[in-house]
Amino acid sequence: MSTSKQTHNHDEIKRWVESHDGVPAIIKGTGNGKGDGVLRIHFPGHSDDDDKFSKVSWADFFEEFDKNKLDFLYQEKKQDGEPSTFHKFVERK
């Protein structure tokens, strides 16, 4: 059975992302300054769109994440027990 978790804890988010070989990123061309833009977790080499993403530091990522009052919704495993990279950003309540 797959279950989703939701958090805004920086350490928990960083742990999940790095354990799934992801990096904090923004979509190129969507921001006006350093570190801002549409946030994403990118999994280099697992997408045909690698050139659309710009890696950012965790500090810049979390600054934008907190400024926009986001939570991170994620899944550890798929229903079949395989590791999952499902995630999305949702409005913090």
PDB file of N, CA and C in Angstrom:
ATOM      1  N   MET A   1       0.837  -1.186   0.000  1.00  0.00           N
ATOM      2  CA  MET A   1       0.000   0.000   0.000  1.00  0.00           C
ATOM      3  C   MET A   1       0.883   1.250   0.000  1.00  0.00           C
ATOM      4  N   SER A   2       0.583   2.187  -0.874  1.00  0.00           N
ATOM      5  CA  SER A   2       1.356   3.426  -0.920  1.00  0.00           C
ATOM      6  C   SER A   2       0.651   4.493  -0.094  1.00  0.00           C
ATOM      7  N   THR A   3       1.439   5.288   0.587  1.00  0.00           N
ATOM      8  CA  THR A   3       0.891   6.400   1.348  1.00  0.00           C
ATOM      9  C   THR A   3       1.725   7.638   1.063  1.00  0.00           C
ATOM     10  N   SER A   4       1.086   8.768   1.115  1.00  0.00           N
ATOM     11  CA  SER A   4       1.775  10.030   0.916  1.00  0.00           C
ATOM     12  C   SER A   4       2.001  10.697   2.257  1.00  0.00           C
ATOM     13  N   LYS A   5       3.063  11.493   2.320  1.00  0.00           N
ATOM     14  CA  LYS A   5       3.388  12.272   3.508  1.00  0.00           C
ATOM     15  C   LYS A   5       3.476  13.726   3.081  1.00  0.00           C
ATOM     16  N   GLN A   6       3.245  14.613   4.031  1.00  0.00           N
ATOM     17  CA  GLN A   6       3.311  16.040   3.732  1.00  0.00           C
ATOM     18  C   GLN A   6       4.117  16.730   4.814  1.00  0.00           C
ATOM     19  N   THR A   7       5.041  17.606   4.404  1.00  0.00           N
ATOM     20  CA  THR A   7       5.901  18.282   5.370  1.00  0.00           C
ATOM     21  C   THR A   7       6.413  19.605   4.813  1.00  0.00           C
ATOM     22  N   HIS A   8       6.880  20.455   5.705  1.00  0.00           N
ATOM     23  CA  HIS A   8       7.656  21.619   5.290  1.00  0.00           C
ATOM     24  C   HIS A   8       8.992  21.637   6.044  1.00  0.00           C
ATOM     25  N   ASN A   9       9.320  20.497   6.677  1.00  0.00           N
ATOM     26  CA  ASN A   9      10.580  20.332   7.388  1.00  0.00           C
ATOM     27  C   ASN A   9      11.723  20.217   6.375  1.00  0.00           C
ATOM     28  N   HIS A  10      12.640  21.160   6.420  1.00  0.00           N
ATOM     29  CA  HIS A  10      13.730  21.205   5.444  1.00  0.00           C
ATOM     30  C   HIS A  10      14.578  19.939   5.457  1.00  0.00           C
ATOM     31  N   ASP A  11      14.911  19.438   6.635  1.00  0.00           N
ATOM     32  CA  ASP A  11      15.756  18.243   6.722  1.00  0.00           C
ATOM     33  C   ASP A  11      15.064  17.023   6.122  1.00  0.00           C
ATOM     34  N   GLU A  12      13.778  16.887   6.377  1.00  0.00           N
ATOM     35  CA  GLU A  12      13.019  15.758   5.844  1.00  0.00           C
ATOM     36  C   GLU A  12      12.941  15.827   4.310  1.00  0.00           C
ATOM     37  N   ILE A  13      12.714  17.020   3.780  1.00  0.00           N
ATOM     38  CA  ILE A  13      12.645  17.201   2.334  1.00  0.00           C
ATOM     39  C   ILE A  13      14.000  16.891   1.698  1.00  0.00           C
ATOM     40  N   LYS A  14      15.047  17.456   2.253  1.00  0.00           N
ATOM     41  CA  LYS A  14      16.394  17.240   1.716  1.00  0.00           C
ATOM     42  C   LYS A  14      16.763  15.759   1.755  1.00  0.00           C
ATOM     43  N   ARG A  15      16.430  15.075   2.832  1.00  0.00           N
ATOM     44  CA  ARG A  15      16.725  13.646   2.960  1.00  0.00           C
ATOM     45  C   ARG A  15      16.029  12.863   1.857  1.00  0.00           C
ATOM     46  N   TRP A  16      14.722  13.129   1.649  1.00  0.00           N
ATOM     47  CA  TRP A  16      13.964  12.398   0.641  1.00  0.00           C
ATOM     48  C   TRP A  16      14.537  12.658  -0.758  1.00  0.00           C
ATOM     49  N   VAL A  17      14.773  13.916  -1.063  1.00  0.00           N
ATOM     50  CA  VAL A  17      15.267  14.284  -2.392  1.00  0.00           C
ATOM     51  C   VAL A  17      16.614  13.618  -2.668  1.00  0.00           C
ATOM     52  N   GLU A  18      17.546  13.741  -1.739  1.00  0.00           N
ATOM     53  CA  GLU A  18      18.877  13.187  -1.954  1.00  0.00           C
ATOM     54  C   GLU A  18      18.866  11.658  -1.973  1.00  0.00           C
ATOM     55  N   SER A  19      17.989  11.034  -1.207  1.00  0.00           N
ATOM     56  CA  SER A  19      17.922   9.566  -1.212  1.00  0.00           C
ATOM     57  C   SER A  19      17.333   9.035  -2.514  1.00  0.00           C
ATOM     58  N   HIS A  20      16.682   9.904  -3.284  1.00  0.00           N
ATOM     59  CA  HIS A  20      16.122   9.523  -4.578  1.00  0.00           C
ATOM     60  C   HIS A  20      16.941  10.114  -5.740  1.00  0.00           C
ATOM     61  N   ASP A  21      18.157  10.563  -5.430  1.00  0.00           N
ATOM     62  CA  ASP A  21      19.083  11.126  -6.428  1.00  0.00           C
ATOM     63  C   ASP A  21      18.534  12.358  -7.128  1.00  0.00           C
ATOM     64  N   GLY A  22      17.761  13.145  -6.398  1.00  0.00           N
ATOM     65  CA  GLY A  22      17.228  14.381  -6.931  1.00  0.00           C
ATOM     66  C   GLY A  22      18.041  15.581  -6.493  1.00  0.00           C
ATOM     67  N   VAL A  23      17.760  16.714  -7.115  1.00  0.00           N
ATOM     68  CA  VAL A  23      18.419  17.976  -6.777  1.00  0.00           C
ATOM     69  C   VAL A  23      17.378  19.090  -6.769  1.00  0.00           C
ATOM     70  N   PRO A  24      17.585  20.111  -5.935  1.00  0.00           N
ATOM     71  CA  PRO A  24      16.682  21.260  -5.965  1.00  0.00           C
ATOM     72  C   PRO A  24      16.931  22.056  -7.240  1.00  0.00           C
ATOM     73  N   ALA A  25      15.850  22.503  -7.869  1.00  0.00           N
ATOM     74  CA  ALA A  25      15.989  23.195  -9.152  1.00  0.00           C
ATOM     75  C   ALA A  25      14.847  24.180  -9.352  1.00  0.00           C
ATOM     76  N   ILE A  26      15.039  25.024 -10.351  1.00  0.00           N
ATOM     77  CA  ILE A  26      13.962  25.882 -10.844  1.00  0.00           C
ATOM     78  C   ILE A  26      13.855  25.646 -12.347  1.00  0.00           C
ATOM     79  N   ILE A  27      12.699  25.956 -12.880  1.00  0.00           N
ATOM     80  CA  ILE A  27      12.532  25.883 -14.325  1.00  0.00           C
ATOM     81  C   ILE A  27      13.147  27.149 -14.916  1.00  0.00           C
ATOM     82  N   LYS A  28      14.079  26.976 -15.831  1.00  0.00           N
ATOM     83  CA  LYS A  28      14.777  28.118 -16.433  1.00  0.00           C
ATOM     84  C   LYS A  28      13.788  29.104 -17.043  1.00  0.00           C
ATOM     85  N   GLY A  29      14.081  30.389 -16.846  1.00  0.00           N
ATOM     86  CA  GLY A  29      13.292  31.438 -17.461  1.00  0.00           C
ATOM     87  C   GLY A  29      12.019  31.798 -16.725  1.00  0.00           C
ATOM     88  N   THR A  30      11.825  31.268 -15.512  1.00  0.00           N
ATOM     89  CA  THR A  30      10.583  31.549 -14.795  1.00  0.00           C
ATOM     90  C   THR A  30      10.767  32.507 -13.623  1.00  0.00           C
ATOM     91  N   GLY A  31      11.982  32.973 -13.393  1.00  0.00           N
ATOM     92  CA  GLY A  31      12.211  33.875 -12.266  1.00  0.00           C
ATOM     93  C   GLY A  31      12.844  35.178 -12.692  1.00  0.00           C
ATOM     94  N   ASN A  32      12.865  36.125 -11.756  1.00  0.00           N
ATOM     95  CA  ASN A  32      13.421  37.443 -12.033  1.00  0.00           C
ATOM     96  C   ASN A  32      14.778  37.677 -11.380  1.00  0.00           C
ATOM     97  N   GLY A  33      15.154  36.822 -10.443  1.00  0.00           N
ATOM     98  CA  GLY A  33      16.400  37.048  -9.723  1.00  0.00           C
ATOM     99  C   GLY A  33      17.008  35.756  -9.237  1.00  0.00           C
ATOM    100  N   LYS A  34      18.040  35.892  -8.389  1.00  0.00           N
ATOM    101  CA  LYS A  34      18.779  34.740  -7.884  1.00  0.00           C
ATOM    102  C   LYS A  34      17.872  33.812  -7.077  1.00  0.00           C
ATOM    103  N   GLY A  35      17.795  32.562  -7.524  1.00  0.00           N
ATOM    104  CA  GLY A  35      17.087  31.543  -6.760  1.00  0.00           C
ATOM    105  C   GLY A  35      15.583  31.541  -6.896  1.00  0.00           C
ATOM    106  N   ASP A  36      15.010  32.553  -7.558  1.00  0.00           N
ATOM    107  CA  ASP A  36      13.552  32.528  -7.659  1.00  0.00           C
ATOM    108  C   ASP A  36      13.128  31.963  -9.001  1.00  0.00           C
ATOM    109  N   GLY A  37      11.925  31.504  -9.055  1.00  0.00           N
ATOM    110  CA  GLY A  37      11.379  30.861 -10.242  1.00  0.00           C
ATOM    111  C   GLY A  37      10.497  29.722  -9.798  1.00  0.00           C
ATOM    112  N   VAL A  38       9.997  28.970 -10.752  1.00  0.00           N
ATOM    113  CA  VAL A  38       9.122  27.849 -10.434  1.00  0.00           C
ATOM    114  C   VAL A  38       9.984  26.714  -9.884  1.00  0.00           C
ATOM    115  N   LEU A  39       9.722  26.353  -8.627  1.00  0.00           N
ATOM    116  CA  LEU A  39      10.504  25.318  -7.961  1.00  0.00           C
ATOM    117  C   LEU A  39      10.177  23.928  -8.488  1.00  0.00           C
ATOM    118  N   ARG A  40      11.201  23.105  -8.535  1.00  0.00           N
ATOM    119  CA  ARG A  40      11.044  21.710  -8.911  1.00  0.00           C
ATOM    120  C   ARG A  40      12.099  20.884  -8.170  1.00  0.00           C
ATOM    121  N   ILE A  41      11.812  19.616  -8.049  1.00  0.00           N
ATOM    122  CA  ILE A  41      12.832  18.645  -7.697  1.00  0.00           C
ATOM    123  C   ILE A  41      13.147  17.945  -9.007  1.00  0.00           C
ATOM    124  N   HIS A  42      14.404  17.971  -9.376  1.00  0.00           N
ATOM    125  CA  HIS A  42      14.812  17.407 -10.663  1.00  0.00           C
ATOM    126  C   HIS A  42      15.620  16.132 -10.418  1.00  0.00           C
ATOM    127  N   PHE A  43      15.404  15.157 -11.278  1.00  0.00           N
ATOM    128  CA  PHE A  43      16.124  13.896 -11.219  1.00  0.00           C
ATOM    129  C   PHE A  43      16.965  13.800 -12.495  1.00  0.00           C
ATOM    130  N   PRO A  44      18.195  14.347 -12.454  1.00  0.00           N
ATOM    131  CA  PRO A  44      19.037  14.390 -13.653  1.00  0.00           C
ATOM    132  C   PRO A  44      19.185  13.007 -14.293  1.00  0.00           C
ATOM    133  N   GLY A  45      19.087  12.998 -15.611  1.00  0.00           N
ATOM    134  CA  GLY A  45      19.243  11.764 -16.356  1.00  0.00           C
ATOM    135  C   GLY A  45      17.976  10.931 -16.454  1.00  0.00           C
ATOM    136  N   HIS A  46      16.920  11.353 -15.801  1.00  0.00           N
ATOM    137  CA  HIS A  46      15.660  10.604 -15.827  1.00  0.00           C
ATOM    138  C   HIS A  46      14.562  11.364 -16.557  1.00  0.00           C
ATOM    139  N   SER A  47      14.960  12.329 -17.357  1.00  0.00           N
ATOM    140  CA  SER A  47      13.988  13.162 -18.054  1.00  0.00           C
ATOM    141  C   SER A  47      14.557  13.594 -19.401  1.00  0.00           C
ATOM    142  N   ASP A  48      13.690  13.740 -20.376  1.00  0.00           N
ATOM    143  CA  ASP A  48      14.117  14.270 -21.671  1.00  0.00           C
ATOM    144  C   ASP A  48      14.296  15.778 -21.619  1.00  0.00           C
ATOM    145  N   ASP A  49      13.882  16.386 -20.515  1.00  0.00           N
ATOM    146  CA  ASP A  49      13.888  17.845 -20.392  1.00  0.00           C
ATOM    147  C   ASP A  49      14.983  18.360 -19.468  1.00  0.00           C
ATOM    148  N   ASP A  50      16.102  17.647 -19.355  1.00  0.00           N
ATOM    149  CA  ASP A  50      17.166  18.062 -18.441  1.00  0.00           C
ATOM    150  C   ASP A  50      17.600  19.505 -18.645  1.00  0.00           C
ATOM    151  N   ASP A  51      17.559  19.994 -19.882  1.00  0.00           N
ATOM    152  CA  ASP A  51      18.022  21.346 -20.168  1.00  0.00           C
ATOM    153  C   ASP A  51      17.035  22.434 -19.742  1.00  0.00           C
ATOM    154  N   LYS A  52      15.844  22.051 -19.304  1.00  0.00           N
ATOM    155  CA  LYS A  52      14.839  23.026 -18.850  1.00  0.00           C
ATOM    156  C   LYS A  52      15.047  23.442 -17.396  1.00  0.00           C
ATOM    157  N   PHE A  53      15.925  22.720 -16.683  1.00  0.00           N
ATOM    158  CA  PHE A  53      16.079  22.942 -15.252  1.00  0.00           C
ATOM    159  C   PHE A  53      17.427  23.558 -14.923  1.00  0.00           C
ATOM    160  N   SER A  54      17.417  24.382 -13.886  1.00  0.00           N
ATOM    161  CA  SER A  54      18.644  24.970 -13.381  1.00  0.00           C
ATOM    162  C   SER A  54      18.770  24.585 -11.916  1.00  0.00           C
ATOM    163  N   LYS A  55      19.844  23.891 -11.587  1.00  0.00           N
ATOM    164  CA  LYS A  55      20.063  23.489 -10.200  1.00  0.00           C
ATOM    165  C   LYS A  55      20.281  24.736  -9.345  1.00  0.00           C
ATOM    166  N   VAL A  56      19.700  24.734  -8.145  1.00  0.00           N
ATOM    167  CA  VAL A  56      19.885  25.842  -7.201  1.00  0.00           C
ATOM    168  C   VAL A  56      20.371  25.267  -5.872  1.00  0.00           C
ATOM    169  N   SER A  57      20.925  26.124  -5.053  1.00  0.00           N
ATOM    170  CA  SER A  57      21.385  25.683  -3.732  1.00  0.00           C
ATOM    171  C   SER A  57      20.177  25.373  -2.856  1.00  0.00           C
ATOM    172  N   TRP A  58      20.404  24.550  -1.845  1.00  0.00           N
ATOM    173  CA  TRP A  58      19.328  24.271  -0.898  1.00  0.00           C
ATOM    174  C   TRP A  58      18.886  25.563  -0.214  1.00  0.00           C
ATOM    175  N   ALA A  59      19.820  26.465   0.084  1.00  0.00           N
ATOM    176  CA  ALA A  59      19.462  27.733   0.751  1.00  0.00           C
ATOM    177  C   ALA A  59      18.506  28.548  -0.120  1.00  0.00           C
ATOM    178  N   ASP A  60      18.817  28.676  -1.417  1.00  0.00           N
ATOM    179  CA  ASP A  60      17.943  29.421  -2.320  1.00  0.00           C
ATOM    180  C   ASP A  60      16.605  28.713  -2.497  1.00  0.00           C
ATOM    181  N   PHE A  61      16.645  27.397  -2.615  1.00  0.00           N
ATOM    182  CA  PHE A  61      15.425  26.612  -2.768  1.00  0.00           C
ATOM    183  C   PHE A  61      14.497  26.827  -1.574  1.00  0.00           C
ATOM    184  N   PHE A  62      15.032  26.663  -0.357  1.00  0.00           N
ATOM    185  CA  PHE A  62      14.180  26.780   0.824  1.00  0.00           C
ATOM    186  C   PHE A  62      13.741  28.220   1.094  1.00  0.00           C
ATOM    187  N   GLU A  63      14.522  29.191   0.668  1.00  0.00           N
ATOM    188  CA  GLU A  63      14.087  30.590   0.793  1.00  0.00           C
ATOM    189  C   GLU A  63      12.811  30.803  -0.022  1.00  0.00           C
ATOM    190  N   GLU A  64      12.816  30.322  -1.255  1.00  0.00           N
ATOM    191  CA  GLU A  64      11.643  30.464  -2.128  1.00  0.00           C
ATOM    192  C   GLU A  64      10.485  29.590  -1.627  1.00  0.00           C
ATOM    193  N   PHE A  65      10.801  28.393  -1.184  1.00  0.00           N
ATOM    194  CA  PHE A  65       9.815  27.446  -0.650  1.00  0.00           C
ATOM    195  C   PHE A  65       9.067  28.069   0.536  1.00  0.00           C
ATOM    196  N   ASP A  66       9.810  28.635   1.475  1.00  0.00           N
ATOM    197  CA  ASP A  66       9.201  29.244   2.662  1.00  0.00           C
ATOM    198  C   ASP A  66       8.480  30.552   2.323  1.00  0.00           C
ATOM    199  N   LYS A  67       9.058  31.348   1.437  1.00  0.00           N
ATOM    200  CA  LYS A  67       8.433  32.614   1.033  1.00  0.00           C
ATOM    201  C   LYS A  67       7.042  32.369   0.450  1.00  0.00           C
ATOM    202  N   ASN A  68       6.899  31.260  -0.271  1.00  0.00           N
ATOM    203  CA  ASN A  68       5.623  30.918  -0.898  1.00  0.00           C
ATOM    204  C   ASN A  68       4.741  30.030  -0.030  1.00  0.00           C
ATOM    205  N   LYS A  69       5.173  29.780   1.208  1.00  0.00           N
ATOM    206  CA  LYS A  69       4.401  28.999   2.186  1.00  0.00           C
ATOM    207  C   LYS A  69       3.938  27.664   1.595  1.00  0.00           C
ATOM    208  N   LEU A  70       4.924  26.896   1.125  1.00  0.00           N
ATOM    209  CA  LEU A  70       4.635  25.613   0.513  1.00  0.00           C
ATOM    210  C   LEU A  70       4.868  24.452   1.461  1.00  0.00           C
ATOM    211  N   ASP A  71       4.219  23.363   1.186  1.00  0.00           N
ATOM    212  CA  ASP A  71       4.485  22.070   1.801  1.00  0.00           C
ATOM    213  C   ASP A  71       4.938  21.138   0.693  1.00  0.00           C
ATOM    214  N   PHE A  72       5.621  20.091   1.088  1.00  0.00           N
ATOM    215  CA  PHE A  72       6.126  19.085   0.157  1.00  0.00           C
ATOM    216  C   PHE A  72       5.331  17.811   0.385  1.00  0.00           C
ATOM    217  N   LEU A  73       4.593  17.390  -0.619  1.00  0.00           N
ATOM    218  CA  LEU A  73       3.815  16.159  -0.572  1.00  0.00           C
ATOM    219  C   LEU A  73       4.618  15.116  -1.332  1.00  0.00           C
ATOM    220  N   TYR A  74       4.875  13.974  -0.694  1.00  0.00           N
ATOM    221  CA  TYR A  74       5.723  12.981  -1.331  1.00  0.00           C
ATOM    222  C   TYR A  74       5.323  11.567  -0.949  1.00  0.00           C
ATOM    223  N   GLN A  75       5.862  10.639  -1.696  1.00  0.00           N
ATOM    224  CA  GLN A  75       5.562   9.224  -1.489  1.00  0.00           C
ATOM    225  C   GLN A  75       6.893   8.474  -1.390  1.00  0.00           C
ATOM    226  N   GLU A  76       7.033   7.614  -0.380  1.00  0.00           N
ATOM    227  CA  GLU A  76       8.255   6.825  -0.219  1.00  0.00           C
ATOM    228  C   GLU A  76       8.291   5.655  -1.193  1.00  0.00           C
ATOM    229  N   LYS A  77       7.166   4.932  -1.304  1.00  0.00           N
ATOM    230  CA  LYS A  77       7.104   3.744  -2.141  1.00  0.00           C
ATOM    231  C   LYS A  77       5.819   3.708  -2.931  1.00  0.00           C
ATOM    232  N   LYS A  78       5.892   3.075  -4.100  1.00  0.00           N
ATOM    233  CA  LYS A  78       4.701   2.844  -4.903  1.00  0.00           C
ATOM    234  C   LYS A  78       3.895   1.716  -4.271  1.00  0.00           C
ATOM    235  N   GLN A  79       2.705   1.495  -4.769  1.00  0.00           N
ATOM    236  CA  GLN A  79       1.839   0.453  -4.241  1.00  0.00           C
ATOM    237  C   GLN A  79       2.503  -0.917  -4.327  1.00  0.00           C
ATOM    238  N   ASP A  80       3.333  -1.143  -5.349  1.00  0.00           N
ATOM    239  CA  ASP A  80       4.004  -2.436  -5.505  1.00  0.00           C
ATOM    240  C   ASP A  80       5.265  -2.566  -4.653  1.00  0.00           C
ATOM    241  N   GLY A  81       5.566  -1.528  -3.843  1.00  0.00           N
ATOM    242  CA  GLY A  81       6.720  -1.576  -2.950  1.00  0.00           C
ATOM    243  C   GLY A  81       7.993  -0.981  -3.525  1.00  0.00           C
ATOM    244  N   GLU A  82       7.976  -0.656  -4.809  1.00  0.00           N
ATOM    245  CA  GLU A  82       9.143  -0.042  -5.445  1.00  0.00           C
ATOM    246  C   GLU A  82       9.296   1.402  -4.959  1.00  0.00           C
ATOM    247  N   PRO A  83      10.537   1.918  -4.915  1.00  0.00           N
ATOM    248  CA  PRO A  83      10.735   3.317  -4.536  1.00  0.00           C
ATOM    249  C   PRO A  83       9.964   4.249  -5.465  1.00  0.00           C
ATOM    250  N   SER A  84       9.451   5.328  -4.912  1.00  0.00           N
ATOM    251  CA  SER A  84       8.656   6.279  -5.679  1.00  0.00           C
ATOM    252  C   SER A  84       9.340   7.641  -5.707  1.00  0.00           C
ATOM    253  N   THR A  85       9.222   8.323  -6.836  1.00  0.00           N
ATOM    254  CA  THR A  85       9.692   9.707  -6.916  1.00  0.00           C
ATOM    255  C   THR A  85       8.511  10.673  -7.020  1.00  0.00           C
ATOM    256  N   PHE A  86       7.310  10.182  -6.717  1.00  0.00           N
ATOM    257  CA  PHE A  86       6.142  11.063  -6.754  1.00  0.00           C
ATOM    258  C   PHE A  86       6.291  12.141  -5.689  1.00  0.00           C
ATOM    259  N   HIS A  87       6.081  13.366  -6.109  1.00  0.00           N
ATOM    260  CA  HIS A  87       6.103  14.498  -5.179  1.00  0.00           C
ATOM    261  C   HIS A  87       5.402  15.679  -5.848  1.00  0.00           C
ATOM    262  N   LYS A  88       4.978  16.612  -5.035  1.00  0.00           N
ATOM    263  CA  LYS A  88       4.485  17.883  -5.547  1.00  0.00           C
ATOM    264  C   LYS A  88       4.483  18.906  -4.428  1.00  0.00           C
ATOM    265  N   PHE A  89       4.424  20.156  -4.822  1.00  0.00           N
ATOM    266  CA  PHE A  89       4.360  21.248  -3.872  1.00  0.00           C
ATOM    267  C   PHE A  89       2.899  21.645  -3.711  1.00  0.00           C
ATOM    268  N   VAL A  90       2.487  21.831  -2.465  1.00  0.00           N
ATOM    269  CA  VAL A  90       1.119  22.219  -2.182  1.00  0.00           C
ATOM    270  C   VAL A  90       1.131  23.396  -1.227  1.00  0.00           C
ATOM    271  N   GLU A  91       0.036  24.114  -1.194  1.00  0.00           N
ATOM    272  CA  GLU A  91      -0.103  25.263  -0.306  1.00  0.00           C
ATOM    273  C   GLU A  91      -0.109  24.793   1.146  1.00  0.00           C
ATOM    274  N   ARG A  92       0.694  25.444   1.964  1.00  0.00           N
ATOM    275  CA  ARG A  92       0.761  25.112   3.388  1.00  0.00           C
ATOM    276  C   ARG A  92      -0.504  25.599   4.076  1.00  0.00           C
ATOM    277  N   LYS A  93      -1.052  24.762   4.911  1.00  0.00           N
ATOM    278  CA  LYS A  93      -2.286  25.135   5.627  1.00  0.00           C
ATOM    279  C   LYS A  93      -2.032  25.453   7.068  1.00  0.00           C
TER     280      LYS A  93
END
